[in-house]
Amino acid sequence: MKAADLREKSVEDLSELQKTLAHDVFQNRLKNFTNRLDDTSSIRKSRRDLARVITLLRERHGKGEAAATEVKPVAANTESAKAAPAAEAKPKKTAAKTSTAKKSEAK
């Protein structure tokens, strides 16, 4: 499938094609796993066709939402942003070491 041919299709057609290609990818992988697939290159072809369709759908949805997906600026105080996850880190548990000591004493 060529990208030029796909660009001519509507969004509804592309979403329907996406569903069928996703099903084809699944079926090809299943047949390959059970050694019933003769042409293993069909897995790669169907995956790439699916990726083309998904890319076109994202492009079409992205045109209407371009203003909503702008990148937000990073916080001015980066030191506090880095320190917050470190403060939330939990200490390591030492219960595993004590349980092995009890097992050796029981012998």
Protein backbone atom coordinates (compact mmCIF):
# COMPACT_ATOMS: atom_id res chain seq x y z
CA MET A 1 0.00 0.00 0.00
CA LYS A 2 1.37 3.39 -0.95
CA ALA A 3 1.09 6.46 1.23
CA ALA A 4 -0.21 8.48 -1.74
CA ASP A 5 -3.14 6.06 -2.10
CA LEU A 6 -3.85 6.24 1.61
CA ARG A 7 -3.86 10.05 1.65
CA GLU A 8 -6.86 10.03 -0.69
CA LYS A 9 -8.99 8.05 1.77
CA SER A 10 -11.24 9.58 4.42
CA VAL A 11 -10.63 9.32 8.16
CA GLU A 12 -13.42 6.77 8.54
CA ASP A 13 -11.89 4.58 5.83
CA LEU A 14 -8.48 4.87 7.44
CA SER A 15 -9.76 3.92 10.88
CA GLU A 16 -11.55 0.91 9.40
CA LEU A 17 -8.38 -0.04 7.53
CA GLN A 18 -6.42 0.32 10.77
CA LYS A 19 -8.67 -2.23 12.47
CA THR A 20 -8.34 -4.74 9.65
CA LEU A 21 -4.57 -4.30 9.44
CA ALA A 22 -4.19 -4.74 13.19
CA HIS A 23 -6.18 -7.95 12.89
CA ASP A 24 -3.97 -9.07 9.99
CA VAL A 25 -0.82 -8.39 11.99
CA PHE A 26 -2.19 -10.49 14.83
CA GLN A 27 -3.20 -13.33 12.53
CA ASN A 28 0.19 -13.33 10.78
CA ARG A 29 2.05 -13.47 14.07
CA LEU A 30 -0.21 -16.27 15.30
CA LYS A 31 0.26 -18.27 12.09
CA ASN A 32 4.01 -17.74 12.26
CA PHE A 33 4.09 -18.99 15.83
CA THR A 34 2.18 -22.13 14.90
CA ASN A 35 4.29 -22.65 11.74
CA ARG A 36 1.36 -22.19 9.37
CA LEU A 37 2.64 -19.01 7.71
CA ASP A 38 4.32 -19.59 4.37
CA ASP A 39 5.42 -16.03 3.59
CA THR A 40 7.07 -14.57 6.68
CA SER A 41 7.62 -11.25 4.92
CA SER A 42 3.87 -10.63 5.18
CA ILE A 43 4.38 -9.87 8.89
CA ARG A 44 6.71 -7.02 8.08
CA LYS A 45 4.54 -5.73 5.23
CA SER A 46 1.38 -5.65 7.31
CA ARG A 47 3.18 -3.96 10.23
CA ARG A 48 4.49 -1.24 7.95
CA ASP A 49 1.11 -0.72 6.31
CA LEU A 50 -0.44 -0.39 9.75
CA ALA A 51 2.21 2.15 10.74
CA ARG A 52 1.47 4.18 7.59
CA VAL A 53 -2.24 4.26 8.39
CA ILE A 54 -1.62 5.25 12.02
CA THR A 55 0.75 8.01 10.91
CA LEU A 56 -1.83 9.44 8.52
CA LEU A 57 -4.53 9.33 11.19
CA ARG A 58 -2.26 11.17 13.61
CA GLU A 59 -1.44 13.78 10.98
CA ARG A 60 -5.11 14.42 10.32
CA HIS A 61 -6.02 14.59 14.00
CA GLY A 62 -2.97 16.78 14.68
CA LYS A 63 -4.02 19.52 12.27
CA GLY A 64 -7.04 20.45 14.37
CA GLU A 65 -5.23 20.15 17.69
CA ALA A 66 -1.92 21.85 16.86
CA ALA A 67 -2.53 24.71 19.29
CA ALA A 68 -3.49 22.35 22.11
CA THR A 69 -0.31 20.27 21.93
CA GLU A 70 2.25 23.03 22.33
CA VAL A 71 5.20 22.25 24.57
CA LYS A 72 4.98 23.83 28.01
CA PRO A 73 8.06 25.67 29.32
CA VAL A 74 10.21 23.99 31.96
CA ALA A 75 9.91 25.27 35.53
CA ALA A 76 12.34 28.04 36.41
CA ASN A 77 13.46 26.42 39.66
CA THR A 78 14.90 23.13 38.43
CA GLU A 79 16.70 22.29 41.69
CA SER A 80 13.43 21.86 43.59
CA ALA A 81 12.01 19.77 40.73
CA LYS A 82 15.01 17.41 40.91
CA ALA A 83 14.98 17.22 44.71
CA ALA A 84 11.32 16.23 44.98
CA PRO A 85 11.65 12.73 43.48
CA ALA A 86 14.75 12.02 45.56
CA ALA A 87 12.90 12.90 48.76
CA GLU A 88 10.13 10.45 47.88
CA ALA A 89 12.54 7.53 47.46
CA LYS A 90 11.93 4.76 49.97
CA PRO A 91 14.77 3.13 51.88
CA LYS A 92 15.70 -0.41 50.91
CA LYS A 93 14.23 -3.21 52.95
CA THR A 94 16.58 -5.50 54.87
CA ALA A 95 13.98 -8.16 55.66
CA ALA A 96 15.51 -10.57 53.16
CA LYS A 97 18.82 -10.61 55.03
CA THR A 98 17.22 -11.34 58.38
CA SER A 99 15.13 -14.20 56.99
CA THR A 100 18.22 -15.96 55.63
CA ALA A 101 19.89 -15.64 59.01
CA LYS A 102 16.92 -17.35 60.66
CA LYS A 103 17.06 -20.20 58.14
CA SER A 104 20.72 -20.86 58.86
CA GLU A 105 20.08 -20.87 62.61
CA ALA A 106 17.25 -23.39 62.20
CA LYS A 107 19.56 -25.99 60.63
